[in-house]
Protein backbone atom coordinates (compact mmCIF):
# COMPACT_ATOMS: atom_id res chain seq x y z
CA MET A 1 -131.46 93.74 -40.54
CA SER A 2 -131.78 91.07 -37.67
CA THR A 3 -132.89 92.91 -34.34
CA ASP A 4 -132.34 90.10 -32.39
CA SER A 5 -129.67 90.09 -29.98
CA GLY A 6 -129.77 86.53 -29.04
CA SER A 7 -128.80 85.46 -32.71
CA SER A 8 -125.92 82.47 -32.70
CA GLN A 9 -125.43 84.47 -36.12
CA HIS A 10 -125.76 88.30 -36.34
CA ARG A 11 -124.34 90.97 -34.32
CA CYS A 12 -125.60 95.01 -34.24
CA TRP A 13 -123.37 97.72 -33.27
CA LEU A 14 -124.65 101.56 -32.99
CA VAL A 15 -122.39 104.18 -34.80
CA THR A 16 -122.74 107.36 -34.15
CA GLY A 17 -121.01 110.11 -36.60
CA GLY A 18 -119.93 107.10 -39.09
CA CYS A 19 -120.23 109.37 -41.98
CA GLY A 20 -117.32 111.20 -41.02
CA PHE A 21 -113.20 110.81 -41.65
CA ILE A 22 -112.51 108.08 -38.82
CA GLY A 23 -115.95 106.24 -38.38
CA SER A 24 -115.90 105.49 -41.99
CA HIS A 25 -113.13 104.34 -41.97
CA PHE A 26 -114.18 102.01 -38.83
CA ILE A 27 -117.18 100.94 -40.49
CA ARG A 28 -115.84 99.79 -43.37
CA ASP A 29 -113.32 98.02 -42.09
CA SER A 30 -115.40 96.33 -39.28
CA LEU A 31 -117.86 95.00 -41.83
CA ALA A 32 -114.75 93.36 -44.17
CA ALA A 33 -113.41 91.75 -41.06
CA ASP A 34 -116.74 90.14 -39.53
CA ALA A 35 -119.03 88.90 -42.10
CA ASP A 36 -121.95 88.10 -38.81
CA LEU A 37 -121.46 91.79 -38.17
CA GLN A 38 -124.32 94.61 -38.97
CA ILE A 39 -123.91 98.11 -38.07
CA VAL A 40 -126.70 100.71 -37.77
CA ASN A 41 -124.91 104.43 -38.27
CA LEU A 42 -126.69 107.33 -37.00
CA ASP A 43 -125.31 110.62 -38.71
CA LEU A 44 -126.30 114.36 -38.61
CA ARG A 45 -124.75 114.47 -42.18
CA THR A 46 -123.30 118.15 -41.53
CA TYR A 47 -120.91 119.46 -44.07
CA ALA A 48 -118.05 117.15 -43.42
CA ALA A 49 -120.17 114.00 -44.26
CA CYS A 50 -119.94 113.41 -47.88
CA PRO A 51 -122.28 110.44 -48.85
CA LEU A 52 -119.92 108.70 -51.69
CA THR A 53 -117.66 107.33 -48.71
CA LEU A 54 -119.88 104.78 -47.27
CA ALA A 55 -122.39 104.79 -50.66
CA ASP A 56 -121.14 101.06 -52.11
CA LEU A 57 -121.31 99.21 -49.20
CA ASP A 58 -124.25 96.61 -48.47
CA PRO A 59 -127.68 98.12 -47.27
CA ALA A 60 -128.77 95.08 -45.63
CA ARG A 61 -125.55 95.09 -43.54
CA LEU A 62 -125.47 98.88 -43.33
CA GLN A 63 -128.76 100.59 -42.23
CA GLN A 64 -127.90 104.56 -42.40
CA VAL A 65 -129.97 106.43 -40.15
CA ALA A 66 -130.15 110.30 -40.32
CA GLY A 67 -130.78 111.90 -37.15
CA ASP A 68 -129.07 114.11 -33.97
CA ILE A 69 -127.45 112.23 -31.13
CA ASN A 70 -129.56 115.34 -28.93
CA ASP A 71 -132.28 113.40 -30.71
CA ALA A 72 -133.61 111.17 -27.26
CA ASP A 73 -136.87 109.41 -29.04
CA LEU A 74 -134.57 108.17 -32.11
CA VAL A 75 -131.86 107.07 -29.79
CA ALA A 76 -134.16 105.15 -27.73
CA GLN A 77 -136.13 103.74 -30.72
CA LEU A 78 -132.69 102.66 -32.69
CA MET A 79 -131.50 100.78 -29.71
CA ALA A 80 -135.18 99.42 -28.73
CA GLN A 81 -135.52 98.05 -32.49
CA HIS A 82 -132.01 96.72 -33.15
CA ARG A 83 -130.60 95.71 -29.68
CA PRO A 84 -127.21 96.71 -30.42
CA GLN A 85 -124.23 95.00 -28.34
CA ALA A 86 -121.95 97.90 -28.28
CA LEU A 87 -122.11 101.75 -28.81
CA ILE A 88 -119.09 103.43 -30.94
CA HIS A 89 -119.71 107.07 -30.89
CA PHE A 90 -117.92 109.28 -32.96
CA ALA A 91 -120.32 112.26 -33.81
CA ALA A 92 -118.94 115.44 -32.71
CA GLU A 93 -117.74 118.64 -34.09
CA SER A 94 -113.57 118.03 -34.91
CA HIS A 95 -112.38 121.30 -36.30
CA VAL A 96 -110.46 124.00 -33.51
CA ASP A 97 -110.86 126.38 -36.02
CA ARG A 98 -114.63 126.12 -36.67
CA SER A 99 -114.97 125.99 -32.78
CA ILE A 100 -113.41 129.28 -32.30
CA ASP A 101 -115.76 130.67 -35.03
CA ALA A 102 -118.66 129.40 -33.18
CA PRO A 103 -118.13 127.15 -30.11
CA GLN A 104 -122.04 126.93 -28.92
CA VAL A 105 -122.15 124.36 -31.92
CA PHE A 106 -119.77 122.40 -30.45
CA ILE A 107 -121.29 122.54 -26.66
CA HIS A 108 -124.38 121.71 -28.40
CA THR A 109 -123.11 118.33 -30.04
CA ASN A 110 -120.39 117.44 -28.02
CA VAL A 111 -121.53 118.49 -24.37
CA ASN A 112 -125.53 118.13 -24.92
CA GLY A 113 -125.10 115.45 -27.68
CA THR A 114 -122.74 112.89 -25.64
CA ALA A 115 -125.42 113.45 -22.48
CA GLN A 116 -128.31 112.83 -24.44
CA LEU A 117 -126.49 109.86 -25.56
CA LEU A 118 -125.47 108.58 -22.34
CA GLU A 119 -128.90 109.50 -20.96
CA GLN A 120 -130.61 106.72 -23.36
CA THR A 121 -127.74 104.07 -23.69
CA LEU A 122 -127.94 103.63 -19.43
CA ARG A 123 -132.00 103.20 -19.92
CA TYR A 124 -131.17 100.51 -22.63
CA TRP A 125 -128.45 98.89 -20.65
CA SER A 126 -130.38 98.71 -17.42
CA ARG A 127 -133.00 96.72 -18.46
CA LEU A 128 -130.43 94.43 -20.89
CA SER A 129 -129.83 91.08 -19.02
CA ALA A 130 -127.15 90.49 -16.79
CA SER A 131 -125.10 88.19 -19.59
CA ASP A 132 -125.55 90.67 -22.13
CA GLN A 133 -124.73 93.93 -19.87
CA GLN A 134 -121.48 91.95 -19.43
CA GLN A 135 -120.94 91.94 -23.22
CA PHE A 136 -122.25 95.43 -24.01
CA ARG A 137 -119.71 98.40 -24.04
CA MET A 138 -119.89 102.42 -24.94
CA LEU A 139 -116.85 102.85 -26.88
CA HIS A 140 -116.81 106.81 -26.52
CA VAL A 141 -114.13 108.18 -29.43
CA SER A 142 -112.27 111.35 -28.12
CA THR A 143 -108.70 113.77 -28.77
CA ASP A 144 -105.36 114.04 -27.33
CA GLU A 145 -106.48 117.81 -27.28
CA VAL A 146 -108.41 117.23 -24.03
CA TYR A 147 -105.19 117.33 -22.53
CA GLY A 148 -103.34 120.36 -23.29
CA SER A 149 -100.03 121.47 -24.79
CA LEU A 150 -97.24 119.91 -23.95
CA GLY A 151 -93.33 121.69 -23.84
CA ALA A 152 -90.49 120.32 -25.46
CA SER A 153 -90.19 116.84 -23.62
CA GLY A 154 -92.60 114.68 -22.43
CA ARG A 155 -95.89 112.52 -23.67
CA PHE A 156 -99.47 112.59 -22.59
CA SER A 157 -100.58 109.34 -20.72
CA GLU A 158 -103.92 108.61 -19.42
CA ALA A 159 -102.93 110.36 -16.08
CA SER A 160 -102.26 113.65 -17.64
CA PRO A 161 -104.56 116.32 -16.73
CA TYR A 162 -107.19 117.84 -18.32
CA ARG A 163 -106.14 121.47 -19.52
CA PRO A 164 -107.82 122.36 -23.17
CA ASN A 165 -107.11 125.28 -24.54
CA SER A 166 -109.40 125.53 -27.27
CA PRO A 167 -113.28 125.31 -27.38
CA TYR A 168 -113.05 122.19 -29.06
CA ALA A 169 -111.15 120.34 -27.02
CA ALA A 170 -112.99 121.96 -23.83
CA SER A 171 -116.30 120.36 -25.52
CA LYS A 172 -114.35 117.27 -25.63
CA ALA A 173 -112.84 117.05 -22.34
CA ALA A 174 -116.68 118.02 -20.89
CA ALA A 175 -118.06 114.84 -23.18
CA ASP A 176 -114.94 112.65 -21.76
CA HIS A 177 -116.03 113.48 -18.27
CA LEU A 178 -119.39 112.60 -18.48
CA VAL A 179 -119.22 109.06 -20.38
CA ARG A 180 -116.42 108.70 -17.22
CA ALA A 181 -118.94 109.93 -14.79
CA TRP A 182 -122.04 107.78 -16.14
CA HIS A 183 -119.56 104.68 -15.62
CA HIS A 184 -118.78 105.61 -11.74
CA THR A 185 -122.10 106.98 -11.27
CA TYR A 186 -124.29 104.18 -12.71
CA ARG A 187 -121.57 101.63 -13.73
CA LEU A 188 -122.34 101.93 -17.56
CA PRO A 189 -120.27 100.13 -19.01
CA VAL A 190 -117.98 102.61 -20.95
CA ILE A 191 -114.64 102.75 -22.71
CA ILE A 192 -112.75 106.21 -23.47
CA SER A 193 -110.05 106.32 -26.66
CA ASN A 194 -107.36 109.38 -26.81
CA CYS A 195 -106.23 109.58 -30.09
CA SER A 196 -103.32 111.64 -31.74
CA ASN A 197 -103.85 112.96 -34.96
CA ASN A 198 -105.45 110.95 -38.12
CA TYR A 199 -104.84 111.14 -41.55
CA GLY A 200 -105.58 108.55 -44.25
CA SER A 201 -108.09 109.07 -46.93
CA HIS A 202 -111.33 110.50 -47.15
CA GLN A 203 -110.50 113.23 -44.81
CA TYR A 204 -112.71 116.09 -45.18
CA PRO A 205 -110.36 118.86 -47.09
CA GLU A 206 -110.67 121.51 -44.17
CA LYS A 207 -107.82 119.84 -41.98
CA LEU A 208 -103.70 119.88 -42.62
CA ILE A 209 -102.55 117.05 -45.00
CA PRO A 210 -105.64 116.72 -47.48
CA LEU A 211 -105.83 120.65 -47.72
CA MET A 212 -102.30 121.27 -48.82
CA THR A 213 -102.69 118.09 -50.92
CA LEU A 214 -105.51 119.72 -52.78
CA LYS A 215 -103.89 123.68 -52.98
CA ALA A 216 -100.25 121.97 -53.84
CA PHE A 217 -101.96 120.03 -56.63
CA ALA A 218 -103.91 123.46 -57.62
CA GLY A 219 -101.13 125.47 -57.59
CA GLU A 220 -102.42 127.57 -54.75
CA PRO A 221 -100.68 128.95 -52.23
CA LEU A 222 -99.88 126.88 -48.76
CA PRO A 223 -101.07 128.93 -45.64
CA VAL A 224 -98.65 127.97 -42.79
CA TYR A 225 -99.66 129.01 -39.31
CA GLY A 226 -96.53 131.00 -37.91
CA ALA A 227 -93.44 129.54 -38.56
CA GLY A 228 -95.24 126.34 -38.76
CA THR A 229 -92.80 124.61 -35.73
CA GLN A 230 -95.86 123.10 -34.22
CA VAL A 231 -95.41 119.15 -33.14
CA ARG A 232 -98.03 116.90 -33.61
CA ASP A 233 -98.34 113.24 -33.13
CA TRP A 234 -99.65 111.16 -36.52
CA LEU A 235 -101.29 108.48 -36.69
CA HIS A 236 -102.72 106.49 -39.41
CA VAL A 237 -106.48 106.43 -39.54
CA SER A 238 -106.70 102.69 -40.57
CA ASP A 239 -104.25 101.97 -36.93
CA HIS A 240 -106.84 104.11 -34.74
CA VAL A 241 -109.46 101.69 -36.71
CA ARG A 242 -107.30 98.51 -35.17
CA ALA A 243 -106.76 100.15 -32.00
CA LEU A 244 -110.52 100.61 -31.06
CA GLN A 245 -111.47 97.38 -32.42
CA THR A 246 -108.88 95.88 -29.88
CA MET A 247 -110.61 97.70 -27.13
CA LEU A 248 -114.03 96.64 -28.57
CA ALA A 249 -112.59 92.98 -28.32
CA ALA A 250 -110.50 92.99 -24.86
CA GLY A 251 -110.81 96.61 -23.33
CA GLN A 252 -111.74 96.97 -19.90
CA ALA A 253 -115.10 98.84 -18.56
CA GLY A 254 -113.86 102.40 -17.22
CA ARG A 255 -110.30 102.25 -18.44
CA VAL A 256 -109.35 104.93 -20.57
CA TYR A 257 -106.53 104.03 -23.95
CA ASN A 258 -104.30 106.57 -25.35
CA VAL A 259 -103.87 105.94 -28.92
CA GLY A 260 -100.89 107.40 -30.85
CA GLY A 261 -98.51 106.99 -33.94
CA ASP A 262 -95.04 107.19 -32.10
CA ASN A 263 -94.77 109.67 -35.01
CA GLU A 264 -94.17 113.21 -34.42
CA GLN A 265 -93.81 115.85 -37.04
CA ARG A 266 -93.39 119.37 -37.49
CA ASN A 267 -96.28 120.58 -39.44
CA ILE A 268 -93.71 122.84 -41.97
CA ASP A 269 -92.38 119.45 -42.02
CA ILE A 270 -95.35 117.99 -43.24
CA VAL A 271 -96.13 121.03 -45.31
CA GLU A 272 -92.78 119.94 -47.61
CA MET A 273 -93.51 116.40 -47.19
CA ILE A 274 -96.48 116.61 -49.57
CA CYS A 275 -95.34 119.36 -51.72
CA ASP A 276 -91.95 116.92 -52.23
CA LEU A 277 -94.67 114.35 -53.29
CA VAL A 278 -96.93 116.54 -55.23
CA ASP A 279 -93.84 117.36 -57.56
CA GLU A 280 -92.94 113.34 -57.72
CA LEU A 281 -96.45 112.84 -58.75
CA THR A 282 -97.25 115.91 -61.11
CA PRO A 283 -93.86 117.63 -62.39
CA GLN A 284 -93.40 121.28 -63.17
CA ALA A 285 -91.00 123.51 -63.44
CA GLY A 286 -90.14 124.56 -59.72
CA SER A 287 -90.85 123.00 -56.32
CA ARG A 288 -94.31 123.45 -54.90
CA ARG A 289 -92.60 124.35 -51.56
CA GLN A 290 -92.18 127.39 -53.80
CA LEU A 291 -96.20 127.85 -52.83
CA ILE A 292 -95.85 128.11 -48.84
CA ARG A 293 -96.80 131.50 -47.02
CA HIS A 294 -96.37 132.12 -43.40
CA VAL A 295 -99.18 133.59 -41.98
CA SER A 296 -100.83 134.68 -38.46
CA ASP A 297 -101.07 131.56 -35.93
CA ARG A 298 -104.06 130.40 -35.24
CA PRO A 299 -105.33 132.02 -31.80
CA GLY A 300 -104.20 129.87 -28.61
CA HIS A 301 -102.84 127.59 -31.14
CA ASP A 302 -100.94 124.25 -28.93
CA GLN A 303 -97.87 124.05 -29.71
CA ARG A 304 -96.51 120.31 -29.42
CA TYR A 305 -98.89 116.95 -28.73
CA ALA A 306 -97.20 113.65 -28.27
CA VAL A 307 -99.22 110.41 -27.01
CA ASP A 308 -97.89 107.75 -24.76
CA ALA A 309 -99.70 104.48 -26.01
CA SER A 310 -97.98 101.99 -23.71
CA ARG A 311 -101.14 101.36 -22.09
CA LEU A 312 -102.59 100.41 -24.99
CA ARG A 313 -99.72 98.46 -26.23
CA ASP A 314 -98.54 96.37 -22.88
CA GLU A 315 -102.57 95.82 -21.54
CA LEU A 316 -104.04 94.93 -25.14
CA GLY A 317 -101.20 94.12 -27.73
CA TRP A 318 -101.96 97.06 -30.16
CA ARG A 319 -99.26 98.90 -32.09
CA PRO A 320 -99.17 101.10 -34.99
CA GLN A 321 -97.99 99.27 -38.00
CA ILE A 322 -98.16 102.29 -41.14
CA ASP A 323 -95.42 103.84 -41.58
CA PHE A 324 -95.58 107.34 -42.03
CA ALA A 325 -93.75 107.91 -45.29
CA GLN A 326 -95.50 105.22 -46.66
CA GLY A 327 -98.83 105.98 -45.35
CA LEU A 328 -98.41 109.54 -46.57
CA ARG A 329 -97.73 108.99 -49.83
CA ALA A 330 -100.56 106.56 -50.49
CA THR A 331 -102.95 109.83 -48.94
CA VAL A 332 -101.89 112.08 -51.47
CA GLN A 333 -102.20 109.45 -54.37
CA TRP A 334 -105.53 108.88 -52.89
CA TYR A 335 -107.02 112.21 -52.80
CA ARG A 336 -105.08 112.65 -56.80
CA GLN A 337 -107.07 109.38 -58.09
CA HIS A 338 -110.66 110.55 -56.72
CA ALA A 339 -111.20 113.28 -57.76
CA ASP A 340 -115.20 112.85 -57.80
CA TRP A 341 -115.07 112.49 -53.79
CA VAL A 342 -113.22 115.89 -53.68
CA ALA A 343 -115.52 117.61 -55.83
CA ALA A 344 -118.60 116.13 -53.43
CA ALA A 345 -116.43 117.46 -50.28
CA GLN A 346 -115.66 120.80 -51.56
CA ALA A 347 -119.38 121.76 -52.32
CA ALA A 348 -119.48 123.56 -48.64
CA TYR A 349 -115.65 124.52 -48.55
CA GLN A 350 -113.24 125.82 -50.48
CA GLY A 351 -110.37 126.22 -48.33
CA GLN A 352 -111.36 129.75 -46.55
CA ARG A 353 -109.47 130.58 -43.32
CA LEU A 354 -111.68 129.92 -40.46
CA GLY A 355 -111.22 130.53 -36.64
CA GLN A 356 -110.36 134.59 -36.66
CA ALA A 357 -113.77 136.52 -36.11
CA ARG A 358 -113.63 136.16 -32.55
CA ALA A 359 -109.67 137.31 -31.66
CA PHE A 360 -109.19 139.76 -34.33
CA GLY A 361 -113.08 141.06 -35.80
CA HIS A 362 -114.20 140.74 -38.39
CA ALA A 363 -111.37 143.31 -40.00
CA ALA A 364 -109.31 140.08 -40.39
CA SER A 365 -110.90 138.93 -43.48
CA ASN A 366 -109.47 142.29 -45.08
CA SER A 367 -105.83 140.70 -44.76
CA ALA A 368 -103.65 140.11 -47.43
CA THR A 369 -103.45 136.54 -46.43
CA ALA A 370 -107.08 135.63 -45.20
CA SER A 371 -108.23 134.32 -48.10
CA THR A 372 -106.07 132.02 -48.99
CA ALA A 373 -105.05 130.86 -45.19
CA GLN A 374 -106.51 128.05 -43.31
CA ALA A 375 -105.69 126.63 -40.14
CA LEU A 376 -103.37 123.84 -39.32
CA PRO A 377 -105.60 121.07 -37.45
CA ARG A 378 -105.34 119.96 -34.05
């Protein structure tokens, strides 16, 4: 891999957490779009990182580094060696239910890890030439959950106050504030993106769409929290990747951009759509909708998220392009056709319910629904 920041032929980006769902799509799409781009991916390779996801990419263009963003020496070494023109920060613990069970893990990675990354990035950036400083960007990828929960109307904008309700959301909100502070205090050229619920291929099976898809194909109960009336704005991961690439190319340093699919759906409706698609792809006697089970709700479950992405549209010209019905169909088909990836991902997680221990005590595991129930994401 070229390490010459002055090369006219090659550019380098440092990505954190690129073995995860969104990060892996970003790496794959970015390398395909730019033949002169090389990427260094720093990833801790926790349970949600599947080695198969990026295994087919050219190692001459993608260097994989196993390590922790909290390792200041490692981050500094990678920056000094590869001299990246951009840092794209995906690395995070991201599942709300796991944050209920183990909030300190989320604080360690999402808050402390981001703080360490900011420190090393600032040191690296401060040593660049004036022209290289102007070109450099740190893109911090965050979530709409930092804004809290909406009522029946309205959408989150970049001016919405932060009101996180889960340990996960609070850890991401803290990280956002740190990134913003490093820009305003030290002038580090950062961009913050806050996205709505993503879906697509290669998503870890603890999240709503892959979990319900795989359970429906297996003929297992489909646990839905409460009445399933919680509303989320769904965004195809490829549309999200295009938004991030647009921000890197034309986004303003210090700016926050919300990324939404303009596609609100109730959780129960998503589950029923998945049931119907699975019925169509693998017909059987009776509808998979019969597998739906309503279970006790998640502690502190936010009722509705909706994102106003007009700044990204008006300033940078981005719009979502993938129709939800078509995107969901393609996603369900992908999980059906990639049993090898599913088997590797499910080695560390078999669909058990998470996120109850602190709220209800360990006795909750004895309930009739606990063995099959799984939190709906976000």
